[in-house]
């Protein structure tokens, strides 16, 4: 059975798992990271989170890019790429959300700052 991908008209979001035994949320796991149960329920959220660590990285590409650890509202932490601003302009505490048109099933989670258009400094 093929994995169903969201349509381009559908609002961007994030599909993650919630353990049916202990309620722990996780992202891209086969087993619950707390109790090791395999009974994971697929849940969709809007994918909003907060940057808790940010780095400018120069490897694997000709140009610098940002890699950040993001804590999502559901409680799990995942390494993501933040785009839409210069890599050094991503700050700790910055609210982020999935980039419209990005495909989280492609292997890399790409986010953008929620208020990148309003920020002036």
C-alpha atoms as a PDB file:
ATOM      1  CA  UNK A   1       0.000   0.000   0.000  1.00  0.00           C
ATOM      2  CA  UNK A   2       1.440   3.399  -0.986  1.00  0.00           C
ATOM      3  CA  UNK A   3       1.878   6.143   1.590  1.00  0.00           C
ATOM      4  CA  UNK A   4      -0.602   8.921   0.991  1.00  0.00           C
ATOM      5  CA  UNK A   5       1.076  12.297   0.639  1.00  0.00           C
ATOM      6  CA  UNK A   6      -0.744  15.512   1.488  1.00  0.00           C
ATOM      7  CA  UNK A   7      -2.004  17.524  -1.465  1.00  0.00           C
ATOM      8  CA  UNK A   8      -0.523  20.947  -2.203  1.00  0.00           C
ATOM      9  CA  UNK A   9      -3.834  22.595  -1.237  1.00  0.00           C
ATOM     10  CA  UNK A  10      -3.789  20.962   2.196  1.00  0.00           C
ATOM     11  CA  UNK A  11      -2.293  23.115   4.928  1.00  0.00           C
ATOM     12  CA  UNK A  12       1.236  22.126   5.919  1.00  0.00           C
ATOM     13  CA  UNK A  13       1.497  20.078   9.044  1.00  0.00           C
ATOM     14  CA  UNK A  14       3.335  17.264  10.689  1.00  0.00           C
ATOM     15  CA  UNK A  15       2.462  13.611  11.074  1.00  0.00           C
ATOM     16  CA  UNK A  16       3.889  12.033  14.226  1.00  0.00           C
ATOM     17  CA  UNK A  17       3.204   9.036  16.463  1.00  0.00           C
ATOM     18  CA  UNK A  18       1.648   8.743  19.914  1.00  0.00           C
ATOM     19  CA  UNK A  19       2.156   5.593  21.990  1.00  0.00           C
ATOM     20  CA  UNK A  20      -1.155   3.961  22.862  1.00  0.00           C
ATOM     21  CA  UNK A  21       0.369   2.507  26.039  1.00  0.00           C
ATOM     22  CA  UNK A  22       2.061   5.455  27.736  1.00  0.00           C
ATOM     23  CA  UNK A  23       0.965   8.454  25.618  1.00  0.00           C
ATOM     24  CA  UNK A  24       4.495   9.562  24.657  1.00  0.00           C
ATOM     25  CA  UNK A  25       4.754  11.405  21.356  1.00  0.00           C
ATOM     26  CA  UNK A  26       7.605  10.757  18.925  1.00  0.00           C
ATOM     27  CA  UNK A  27       8.575  11.461  15.334  1.00  0.00           C
ATOM     28  CA  UNK A  28       9.757   8.842  12.833  1.00  0.00           C
ATOM     29  CA  UNK A  29      10.073   5.976  15.302  1.00  0.00           C
ATOM     30  CA  UNK A  30       9.211   2.313  15.073  1.00  0.00           C
ATOM     31  CA  UNK A  31       9.030   1.871  18.849  1.00  0.00           C
ATOM     32  CA  UNK A  32       8.042   4.185  21.679  1.00  0.00           C
ATOM     33  CA  UNK A  33      11.240   5.786  23.070  1.00  0.00           C
ATOM     34  CA  UNK A  34       9.903   5.456  26.658  1.00  0.00           C
ATOM     35  CA  UNK A  35       8.238   2.046  26.973  1.00  0.00           C
ATOM     36  CA  UNK A  36       9.400   0.359  23.708  1.00  0.00           C
ATOM     37  CA  UNK A  37       5.825  -0.506  22.693  1.00  0.00           C
ATOM     38  CA  UNK A  38       5.175  -0.903  18.988  1.00  0.00           C
ATOM     39  CA  UNK A  39       1.517   0.172  19.211  1.00  0.00           C
ATOM     40  CA  UNK A  40       1.921   3.713  17.855  1.00  0.00           C
ATOM     41  CA  UNK A  41      -1.021   5.786  16.685  1.00  0.00           C
ATOM     42  CA  UNK A  42      -0.476   8.205  13.768  1.00  0.00           C
ATOM     43  CA  UNK A  43      -1.503  11.770  14.669  1.00  0.00           C
ATOM     44  CA  UNK A  44      -1.527  14.933  12.544  1.00  0.00           C
ATOM     45  CA  UNK A  45      -0.706  18.345  14.028  1.00  0.00           C
ATOM     46  CA  UNK A  46      -0.053  21.823  12.667  1.00  0.00           C
ATOM     47  CA  UNK A  47       3.689  21.254  13.260  1.00  0.00           C
ATOM     48  CA  UNK A  48       4.431  24.382  15.254  1.00  0.00           C
ATOM     49  CA  UNK A  49       7.452  24.381  17.520  1.00  0.00           C
ATOM     50  CA  UNK A  50      10.211  26.442  19.136  1.00  0.00           C
ATOM     51  CA  UNK A  51      13.924  26.426  18.314  1.00  0.00           C
ATOM     52  CA  UNK A  52      15.934  25.218  21.329  1.00  0.00           C
ATOM     53  CA  UNK A  53      19.346  24.998  19.617  1.00  0.00           C
ATOM     54  CA  UNK A  54      20.592  26.507  16.353  1.00  0.00           C
ATOM     55  CA  UNK A  55      23.772  26.014  14.302  1.00  0.00           C
ATOM     56  CA  UNK A  56      25.118  27.336  11.016  1.00  0.00           C
ATOM     57  CA  UNK A  57      26.454  24.357   9.059  1.00  0.00           C
ATOM     58  CA  UNK A  58      28.789  24.438   6.044  1.00  0.00           C
ATOM     59  CA  UNK A  59      29.060  20.710   5.230  1.00  0.00           C
ATOM     60  CA  UNK A  60      27.385  18.753   2.394  1.00  0.00           C
ATOM     61  CA  UNK A  61      26.446  21.917   0.486  1.00  0.00           C
ATOM     62  CA  UNK A  62      28.284  24.701  -1.259  1.00  0.00           C
ATOM     63  CA  UNK A  63      26.546  27.303   0.885  1.00  0.00           C
ATOM     64  CA  UNK A  64      25.925  27.601   4.633  1.00  0.00           C
ATOM     65  CA  UNK A  65      22.563  26.463   5.979  1.00  0.00           C
ATOM     66  CA  UNK A  66      20.833  26.247   9.330  1.00  0.00           C
ATOM     67  CA  UNK A  67      20.279  23.108  11.401  1.00  0.00           C
ATOM     68  CA  UNK A  68      18.186  23.507  14.526  1.00  0.00           C
ATOM     69  CA  UNK A  69      16.786  21.346  17.279  1.00  0.00           C
ATOM     70  CA  UNK A  70      13.096  22.127  17.555  1.00  0.00           C
ATOM     71  CA  UNK A  71      10.760  21.243  20.430  1.00  0.00           C
ATOM     72  CA  UNK A  72       7.301  20.712  18.974  1.00  0.00           C
ATOM     73  CA  UNK A  73       4.094  21.550  20.855  1.00  0.00           C
ATOM     74  CA  UNK A  74       3.414  17.818  21.226  1.00  0.00           C
ATOM     75  CA  UNK A  75       6.579  17.425  23.342  1.00  0.00           C
ATOM     76  CA  UNK A  76       9.141  15.735  21.100  1.00  0.00           C
ATOM     77  CA  UNK A  77      12.419  17.227  19.828  1.00  0.00           C
ATOM     78  CA  UNK A  78      13.720  16.768  16.273  1.00  0.00           C
ATOM     79  CA  UNK A  79      16.602  18.140  14.182  1.00  0.00           C
ATOM     80  CA  UNK A  80      15.253  20.306  11.354  1.00  0.00           C
ATOM     81  CA  UNK A  81      16.401  22.782   8.737  1.00  0.00           C
ATOM     82  CA  UNK A  82      15.067  26.337   9.082  1.00  0.00           C
ATOM     83  CA  UNK A  83      14.815  28.305   5.825  1.00  0.00           C
ATOM     84  CA  UNK A  84      13.547  31.710   4.742  1.00  0.00           C
ATOM     85  CA  UNK A  85      16.148  33.763   6.639  1.00  0.00           C
ATOM     86  CA  UNK A  86      19.926  33.834   6.730  1.00  0.00           C
ATOM     87  CA  UNK A  87      21.260  30.813   8.694  1.00  0.00           C
ATOM     88  CA  UNK A  88      22.761  33.007  11.451  1.00  0.00           C
ATOM     89  CA  UNK A  89      19.431  34.842  11.972  1.00  0.00           C
ATOM     90  CA  UNK A  90      17.661  31.834  13.562  1.00  0.00           C
ATOM     91  CA  UNK A  91      17.547  32.477  17.303  1.00  0.00           C
ATOM     92  CA  UNK A  92      16.822  30.240  20.280  1.00  0.00           C
ATOM     93  CA  UNK A  93      13.170  30.634  21.203  1.00  0.00           C
ATOM     94  CA  UNK A  94      12.104  31.400  17.625  1.00  0.00           C
ATOM     95  CA  UNK A  95       8.639  30.017  16.781  1.00  0.00           C
ATOM     96  CA  UNK A  96       8.674  27.846  13.648  1.00  0.00           C
ATOM     97  CA  UNK A  97       6.182  25.979  11.474  1.00  0.00           C
ATOM     98  CA  UNK A  98       6.375  23.666   8.432  1.00  0.00           C
ATOM     99  CA  UNK A  99       7.212  25.289   5.125  1.00  0.00           C
ATOM    100  CA  UNK A 100       4.169  25.288   2.785  1.00  0.00           C
ATOM    101  CA  UNK A 101       4.801  22.880  -0.075  1.00  0.00           C
ATOM    102  CA  UNK A 102       7.500  20.915   1.773  1.00  0.00           C
ATOM    103  CA  UNK A 103       7.117  17.173   2.084  1.00  0.00           C
ATOM    104  CA  UNK A 104       8.017  15.814   5.558  1.00  0.00           C
ATOM    105  CA  UNK A 105       8.033  12.294   4.083  1.00  0.00           C
ATOM    106  CA  UNK A 106      11.002  13.196   1.835  1.00  0.00           C
ATOM    107  CA  UNK A 107      13.525  12.619   4.628  1.00  0.00           C
ATOM    108  CA  UNK A 108      14.287  16.149   5.805  1.00  0.00           C
ATOM    109  CA  UNK A 109      11.986  18.283   7.899  1.00  0.00           C
ATOM    110  CA  UNK A 110      12.070  21.877   6.588  1.00  0.00           C
ATOM    111  CA  UNK A 111      10.571  24.676   8.692  1.00  0.00           C
ATOM    112  CA  UNK A 112      10.300  28.453   8.477  1.00  0.00           C
ATOM    113  CA  UNK A 113      10.092  31.143  11.119  1.00  0.00           C
ATOM    114  CA  UNK A 114       6.519  32.050  12.036  1.00  0.00           C
ATOM    115  CA  UNK A 115       7.261  35.768  12.170  1.00  0.00           C
ATOM    116  CA  UNK A 116      10.117  36.042   9.635  1.00  0.00           C
ATOM    117  CA  UNK A 117       8.210  38.634   7.602  1.00  0.00           C
ATOM    118  CA  UNK A 118       7.525  40.896  10.602  1.00  0.00           C
ATOM    119  CA  UNK A 119      11.030  40.747  12.162  1.00  0.00           C
ATOM    120  CA  UNK A 120      13.042  43.867  11.377  1.00  0.00           C
ATOM    121  CA  UNK A 121      16.372  43.406  13.232  1.00  0.00           C
END
